């Protein structure tokens, strides 16, 4: 998820610092300023999640095909 948010410009500004999310342990809270920004963030996260899942499936398929 961290890589998904690297180039994202959304979030809120506090003292001139852009804050887009807070992470603690396995929880993440995202900040947005509008519904459009929320939709953009969700689309970005969903796209990256699907890409990660496809990559993991490829790795598992390769393991399955190469195992004796």
PDB file of N, CA and C in Angstrom:
ATOM      1  N   UNK A   1       0.820  -1.182   0.000  1.00  0.00           N
ATOM      2  CA  UNK A   1       0.000   0.000   0.000  1.00  0.00           C
ATOM      3  C   UNK A   1       0.871   1.256   0.000  1.00  0.00           C
ATOM      4  N   UNK A   2       1.995   1.171   0.665  1.00  0.00           N
ATOM      5  CA  UNK A   2       2.878   2.335   0.714  1.00  0.00           C
ATOM      6  C   UNK A   2       3.295   2.753  -0.684  1.00  0.00           C
ATOM      7  N   UNK A   3       3.621   1.792  -1.542  1.00  0.00           N
ATOM      8  CA  UNK A   3       4.023   2.110  -2.909  1.00  0.00           C
ATOM      9  C   UNK A   3       2.866   2.724  -3.688  1.00  0.00           C
ATOM     10  N   UNK A   4       1.643   2.310  -3.389  1.00  0.00           N
ATOM     11  CA  UNK A   4       0.477   2.851  -4.079  1.00  0.00           C
ATOM     12  C   UNK A   4       0.317   4.335  -3.808  1.00  0.00           C
ATOM     13  N   UNK A   5       0.719   4.788  -2.633  1.00  0.00           N
ATOM     14  CA  UNK A   5       0.489   6.168  -2.230  1.00  0.00           C
ATOM     15  C   UNK A   5       1.692   7.080  -2.447  1.00  0.00           C
ATOM     16  N   UNK A   6       2.797   6.560  -2.970  1.00  0.00           N
ATOM     17  CA  UNK A   6       4.000   7.372  -3.113  1.00  0.00           C
ATOM     18  C   UNK A   6       3.791   8.634  -3.938  1.00  0.00           C
ATOM     19  N   UNK A   7       3.124   8.554  -5.063  1.00  0.00           N
ATOM     20  CA  UNK A   7       2.956   9.708  -5.949  1.00  0.00           C
ATOM     21  C   UNK A   7       1.581  10.346  -5.847  1.00  0.00           C
ATOM     22  N   UNK A   8       0.786   9.926  -4.898  1.00  0.00           N
ATOM     23  CA  UNK A   8      -0.561  10.485  -4.758  1.00  0.00           C
ATOM     24  C   UNK A   8      -0.474  11.828  -4.068  1.00  0.00           C
ATOM     25  N   UNK A   9      -1.102  12.849  -4.638  1.00  0.00           N
ATOM     26  CA  UNK A   9      -1.005  14.215  -4.136  1.00  0.00           C
ATOM     27  C   UNK A   9      -2.172  14.600  -3.235  1.00  0.00           C
ATOM     28  N   UNK A  10      -3.133  13.700  -3.026  1.00  0.00           N
ATOM     29  CA  UNK A  10      -4.307  14.022  -2.224  1.00  0.00           C
ATOM     30  C   UNK A  10      -4.005  14.068  -0.738  1.00  0.00           C
ATOM     31  N   UNK A  11      -5.036  14.303   0.042  1.00  0.00           N
ATOM     32  CA  UNK A  11      -4.890  14.344   1.487  1.00  0.00           C
ATOM     33  C   UNK A  11      -5.207  15.718   2.040  1.00  0.00           C
ATOM     34  N   UNK A  12      -4.798  15.950   3.273  1.00  0.00           N
ATOM     35  CA  UNK A  12      -5.038  17.236   3.920  1.00  0.00           C
ATOM     36  C   UNK A  12      -3.691  17.875   4.252  1.00  0.00           C
ATOM     37  N   UNK A  13      -3.689  19.210   4.356  1.00  0.00           N
ATOM     38  CA  UNK A  13      -2.462  19.924   4.704  1.00  0.00           C
ATOM     39  C   UNK A  13      -2.564  20.428   6.140  1.00  0.00           C
ATOM     40  N   UNK A  14      -1.531  20.131   6.908  1.00  0.00           N
ATOM     41  CA  UNK A  14      -1.417  20.621   8.275  1.00  0.00           C
ATOM     42  C   UNK A  14      -0.067  21.308   8.377  1.00  0.00           C
ATOM     43  N   UNK A  15      -0.089  22.609   8.657  1.00  0.00           N
ATOM     44  CA  UNK A  15       1.143  23.413   8.709  1.00  0.00           C
ATOM     45  C   UNK A  15       1.982  23.253   7.446  1.00  0.00           C
ATOM     46  N   UNK A  16       1.318  23.169   6.302  1.00  0.00           N
ATOM     47  CA  UNK A  16       2.009  23.075   5.022  1.00  0.00           C
ATOM     48  C   UNK A  16       2.508  21.682   4.664  1.00  0.00           C
ATOM     49  N   UNK A  17       2.252  20.703   5.533  1.00  0.00           N
ATOM     50  CA  UNK A  17       2.684  19.328   5.269  1.00  0.00           C
ATOM     51  C   UNK A  17       1.479  18.525   4.817  1.00  0.00           C
ATOM     52  N   UNK A  18       1.623  17.838   3.676  1.00  0.00           N
ATOM     53  CA  UNK A  18       0.531  17.037   3.138  1.00  0.00           C
ATOM     54  C   UNK A  18       0.479  15.689   3.867  1.00  0.00           C
ATOM     55  N   UNK A  19      -0.682  15.371   4.435  1.00  0.00           N
ATOM     56  CA  UNK A  19      -0.882  14.097   5.126  1.00  0.00           C
ATOM     57  C   UNK A  19      -1.990  13.350   4.397  1.00  0.00           C
ATOM     58  N   UNK A  20      -1.644  12.179   3.871  1.00  0.00           N
ATOM     59  CA  UNK A  20      -2.632  11.401   3.123  1.00  0.00           C
ATOM     60  C   UNK A  20      -3.084  10.168   3.890  1.00  0.00           C
ATOM     61  N   UNK A  21      -2.284   9.727   4.866  1.00  0.00           N
ATOM     62  CA  UNK A  21      -2.684   8.545   5.620  1.00  0.00           C
ATOM     63  C   UNK A  21      -1.893   8.455   6.915  1.00  0.00           C
ATOM     64  N   UNK A  22      -2.459   7.719   7.860  1.00  0.00           N
ATOM     65  CA  UNK A  22      -1.776   7.378   9.102  1.00  0.00           C
ATOM     66  C   UNK A  22      -1.740   5.874   9.186  1.00  0.00           C
ATOM     67  N   UNK A  23      -0.584   5.326   9.518  1.00  0.00           N
ATOM     68  CA  UNK A  23      -0.450   3.874   9.624  1.00  0.00           C
ATOM     69  C   UNK A  23      -0.011   3.509  11.032  1.00  0.00           C
ATOM     70  N   UNK A  24      -0.640   2.479  11.563  1.00  0.00           N
ATOM     71  CA  UNK A  24      -0.251   1.941  12.859  1.00  0.00           C
ATOM     72  C   UNK A  24      -0.495   0.438  12.828  1.00  0.00           C
ATOM     73  N   UNK A  25       0.545  -0.336  13.033  1.00  0.00           N
ATOM     74  CA  UNK A  25       0.462  -1.801  13.002  1.00  0.00           C
ATOM     75  C   UNK A  25      -0.154  -2.227  11.669  1.00  0.00           C
ATOM     76  N   UNK A  26      -1.316  -2.862  11.695  1.00  0.00           N
ATOM     77  CA  UNK A  26      -1.928  -3.325  10.450  1.00  0.00           C
ATOM     78  C   UNK A  26      -3.136  -2.475  10.056  1.00  0.00           C
ATOM     79  N   UNK A  27      -3.268  -1.283  10.634  1.00  0.00           N
ATOM     80  CA  UNK A  27      -4.378  -0.393  10.307  1.00  0.00           C
ATOM     81  C   UNK A  27      -3.873   0.833   9.559  1.00  0.00           C
ATOM     82  N   UNK A  28      -4.648   1.287   8.585  1.00  0.00           N
ATOM     83  CA  UNK A  28      -4.322   2.495   7.840  1.00  0.00           C
ATOM     84  C   UNK A  28      -5.574   3.343   7.740  1.00  0.00           C
ATOM     85  N   UNK A  29      -5.435   4.636   8.018  1.00  0.00           N
ATOM     86  CA  UNK A  29      -6.527   5.590   7.873  1.00  0.00           C
ATOM     87  C   UNK A  29      -6.124   6.584   6.793  1.00  0.00           C
ATOM     88  N   UNK A  30      -6.983   6.778   5.802  1.00  0.00           N
ATOM     89  CA  UNK A  30      -6.697   7.687   4.696  1.00  0.00           C
ATOM     90  C   UNK A  30      -7.483   8.976   4.876  1.00  0.00           C
ATOM     91  N   UNK A  31      -6.900  10.094   4.442  1.00  0.00           N
ATOM     92  CA  UNK A  31      -7.540  11.397   4.518  1.00  0.00           C
ATOM     93  C   UNK A  31      -7.772  11.933   3.114  1.00  0.00           C
ATOM     94  N   UNK A  32      -8.969  12.427   2.863  1.00  0.00           N
ATOM     95  CA  UNK A  32      -9.302  13.053   1.589  1.00  0.00           C
ATOM     96  C   UNK A  32     -10.099  14.316   1.870  1.00  0.00           C
ATOM     97  N   UNK A  33     -10.158  15.204   0.884  1.00  0.00           N
ATOM     98  CA  UNK A  33     -10.871  16.469   1.068  1.00  0.00           C
ATOM     99  C   UNK A  33     -12.178  16.544   0.277  1.00  0.00           C
ATOM    100  N   UNK A  34     -12.440  15.550  -0.569  1.00  0.00           N
ATOM    101  CA  UNK A  34     -13.673  15.565  -1.363  1.00  0.00           C
ATOM    102  C   UNK A  34     -14.042  14.146  -1.774  1.00  0.00           C
ATOM    103  N   UNK A  35     -15.263  13.992  -2.239  1.00  0.00           N
ATOM    104  CA  UNK A  35     -15.700  12.688  -2.735  1.00  0.00           C
ATOM    105  C   UNK A  35     -14.910  12.276  -3.973  1.00  0.00           C
ATOM    106  N   UNK A  36     -14.601  13.255  -4.821  1.00  0.00           N
ATOM    107  CA  UNK A  36     -13.831  12.947  -6.037  1.00  0.00           C
ATOM    108  C   UNK A  36     -12.434  12.436  -5.662  1.00  0.00           C
ATOM    109  N   UNK A  37     -11.828  13.047  -4.661  1.00  0.00           N
ATOM    110  CA  UNK A  37     -10.510  12.607  -4.211  1.00  0.00           C
ATOM    111  C   UNK A  37     -10.589  11.207  -3.606  1.00  0.00           C
ATOM    112  N   UNK A  38     -11.680  10.925  -2.895  1.00  0.00           N
ATOM    113  CA  UNK A  38     -11.873   9.602  -2.318  1.00  0.00           C
ATOM    114  C   UNK A  38     -12.009   8.550  -3.419  1.00  0.00           C
ATOM    115  N   UNK A  39     -12.770   8.869  -4.456  1.00  0.00           N
ATOM    116  CA  UNK A  39     -12.938   7.939  -5.572  1.00  0.00           C
ATOM    117  C   UNK A  39     -11.606   7.689  -6.264  1.00  0.00           C
ATOM    118  N   UNK A  40     -10.806   8.744  -6.439  1.00  0.00           N
ATOM    119  CA  UNK A  40      -9.489   8.603  -7.065  1.00  0.00           C
ATOM    120  C   UNK A  40      -8.583   7.702  -6.225  1.00  0.00           C
ATOM    121  N   UNK A  41      -8.586   7.901  -4.915  1.00  0.00           N
ATOM    122  CA  UNK A  41      -7.758   7.091  -4.023  1.00  0.00           C
ATOM    123  C   UNK A  41      -8.189   5.631  -4.054  1.00  0.00           C
ATOM    124  N   UNK A  42      -9.489   5.384  -3.981  1.00  0.00           N
ATOM    125  CA  UNK A  42      -9.983   4.010  -3.998  1.00  0.00           C
ATOM    126  C   UNK A  42      -9.643   3.303  -5.307  1.00  0.00           C
ATOM    127  N   UNK A  43      -9.744   4.021  -6.418  1.00  0.00           N
ATOM    128  CA  UNK A  43      -9.401   3.433  -7.716  1.00  0.00           C
ATOM    129  C   UNK A  43      -7.911   3.088  -7.766  1.00  0.00           C
ATOM    130  N   UNK A  44      -7.067   3.984  -7.250  1.00  0.00           N
ATOM    131  CA  UNK A  44      -5.626   3.741  -7.213  1.00  0.00           C
ATOM    132  C   UNK A  44      -5.300   2.520  -6.366  1.00  0.00           C
ATOM    133  N   UNK A  45      -5.891   2.429  -5.184  1.00  0.00           N
ATOM    134  CA  UNK A  45      -5.631   1.297  -4.294  1.00  0.00           C
ATOM    135  C   UNK A  45      -6.141  -0.011  -4.889  1.00  0.00           C
ATOM    136  N   UNK A  46      -7.334   0.038  -5.490  1.00  0.00           N
ATOM    137  CA  UNK A  46      -7.905  -1.164  -6.102  1.00  0.00           C
ATOM    138  C   UNK A  46      -7.038  -1.652  -7.258  1.00  0.00           C
ATOM    139  N   UNK A  47      -6.586  -0.744  -8.101  1.00  0.00           N
ATOM    140  CA  UNK A  47      -5.743  -1.106  -9.236  1.00  0.00           C
ATOM    141  C   UNK A  47      -4.457  -1.766  -8.761  1.00  0.00           C
ATOM    142  N   UNK A  48      -3.807  -1.179  -7.772  1.00  0.00           N
ATOM    143  CA  UNK A  48      -2.564  -1.744  -7.266  1.00  0.00           C
ATOM    144  C   UNK A  48      -2.799  -3.074  -6.564  1.00  0.00           C
ATOM    145  N   UNK A  49      -3.936  -3.250  -5.910  1.00  0.00           N
ATOM    146  CA  UNK A  49      -4.266  -4.518  -5.258  1.00  0.00           C
ATOM    147  C   UNK A  49      -4.406  -5.615  -6.306  1.00  0.00           C
ATOM    148  N   UNK A  50      -5.105  -5.320  -7.394  1.00  0.00           N
ATOM    149  CA  UNK A  50      -5.298  -6.304  -8.462  1.00  0.00           C
ATOM    150  C   UNK A  50      -3.954  -6.672  -9.091  1.00  0.00           C
ATOM    151  N   UNK A  51      -3.104  -5.691  -9.334  1.00  0.00           N
ATOM    152  CA  UNK A  51      -1.784  -5.964  -9.910  1.00  0.00           C
ATOM    153  C   UNK A  51      -0.979  -6.864  -8.986  1.00  0.00           C
ATOM    154  N   UNK A  52      -1.019  -6.590  -7.678  1.00  0.00           N
ATOM    155  CA  UNK A  52      -0.296  -7.432  -6.714  1.00  0.00           C
ATOM    156  C   UNK A  52      -0.850  -8.850  -6.696  1.00  0.00           C
ATOM    157  N   UNK A  53      -2.166  -9.005  -6.770  1.00  0.00           N
ATOM    158  CA  UNK A  53      -2.779 -10.331  -6.757  1.00  0.00           C
ATOM    159  C   UNK A  53      -2.373 -11.118  -8.001  1.00  0.00           C
ATOM    160  N   UNK A  54      -2.361 -10.478  -9.158  1.00  0.00           N
ATOM    161  CA  UNK A  54      -1.964 -11.156 -10.396  1.00  0.00           C
ATOM    162  C   UNK A  54      -0.504 -11.593 -10.306  1.00  0.00           C
ATOM    163  N   UNK A  55       0.345 -10.727  -9.777  1.00  0.00           N
ATOM    164  CA  UNK A  55       1.759 -11.074  -9.632  1.00  0.00           C
ATOM    165  C   UNK A  55       1.921 -12.270  -8.695  1.00  0.00           C
ATOM    166  N   UNK A  56       1.185 -12.284  -7.591  1.00  0.00           N
ATOM    167  CA  UNK A  56       1.277 -13.395  -6.647  1.00  0.00           C
ATOM    168  C   UNK A  56       0.758 -14.692  -7.259  1.00  0.00           C
ATOM    169  N   UNK A  57      -0.288 -14.610  -8.059  1.00  0.00           N
ATOM    170  CA  UNK A  57      -0.796 -15.803  -8.729  1.00  0.00           C
ATOM    171  C   UNK A  57       0.240 -16.360  -9.693  1.00  0.00           C
ATOM    172  N   UNK A  58       0.946 -15.482 -10.389  1.00  0.00           N
ATOM    173  CA  UNK A  58       1.994 -15.918 -11.307  1.00  0.00           C
ATOM    174  C   UNK A  58       3.112 -16.640 -10.577  1.00  0.00           C
ATOM    175  N   UNK A  59       3.484 -16.144  -9.413  1.00  0.00           N
ATOM    176  CA  UNK A  59       4.531 -16.781  -8.616  1.00  0.00           C
ATOM    177  C   UNK A  59       4.071 -18.157  -8.147  1.00  0.00           C
ATOM    178  N   UNK A  60       2.839 -18.247  -7.660  1.00  0.00           N
ATOM    179  CA  UNK A  60       2.307 -19.532  -7.197  1.00  0.00           C
ATOM    180  C   UNK A  60       2.188 -20.523  -8.340  1.00  0.00           C
ATOM    181  N   UNK A  61       1.754 -20.060  -9.512  1.00  0.00           N
ATOM    182  CA  UNK A  61       1.638 -20.931 -10.680  1.00  0.00           C
ATOM    183  C   UNK A  61       3.023 -21.462 -11.067  1.00  0.00           C
ATOM    184  N   UNK A  62       4.014 -20.602 -11.029  1.00  0.00           N
ATOM    185  CA  UNK A  62       5.382 -21.032 -11.363  1.00  0.00           C
ATOM    186  C   UNK A  62       5.862 -22.077 -10.371  1.00  0.00           C
ATOM    187  N   UNK A  63       5.595 -21.885  -9.091  1.00  0.00           N
ATOM    188  CA  UNK A  63       5.990 -22.866  -8.071  1.00  0.00           C
ATOM    189  C   UNK A  63       5.304 -24.213  -8.320  1.00  0.00           C
ATOM    190  N   UNK A  64       4.023 -24.144  -8.658  1.00  0.00           N
ATOM    191  CA  UNK A  64       3.257 -25.365  -8.899  1.00  0.00           C
ATOM    192  C   UNK A  64       3.827 -26.119 -10.107  1.00  0.00           C
ATOM    193  N   UNK A  65       4.154 -25.388 -11.159  1.00  0.00           N
ATOM    194  CA  UNK A  65       4.639 -26.037 -12.379  1.00  0.00           C
ATOM    195  C   UNK A  65       6.058 -26.571 -12.238  1.00  0.00           C
ATOM    196  N   UNK A  66       6.850 -25.996 -11.335  1.00  0.00           N
ATOM    197  CA  UNK A  66       8.231 -26.444 -11.192  1.00  0.00           C
ATOM    198  C   UNK A  66       8.440 -27.426 -10.059  1.00  0.00           C
ATOM    199  N   UNK A  67       7.402 -27.683  -9.284  1.00  0.00           N
ATOM    200  CA  UNK A  67       7.578 -28.641  -8.183  1.00  0.00           C
ATOM    201  C   UNK A  67       7.528 -30.079  -8.705  1.00  0.00           C
ATOM    202  N   UNK A  68       8.296 -30.968  -8.082  1.00  0.00           N
ATOM    203  CA  UNK A  68       8.354 -32.353  -8.584  1.00  0.00           C
ATOM    204  C   UNK A  68       7.074 -33.127  -8.343  1.00  0.00           C
TER     205      UNK A  68
END
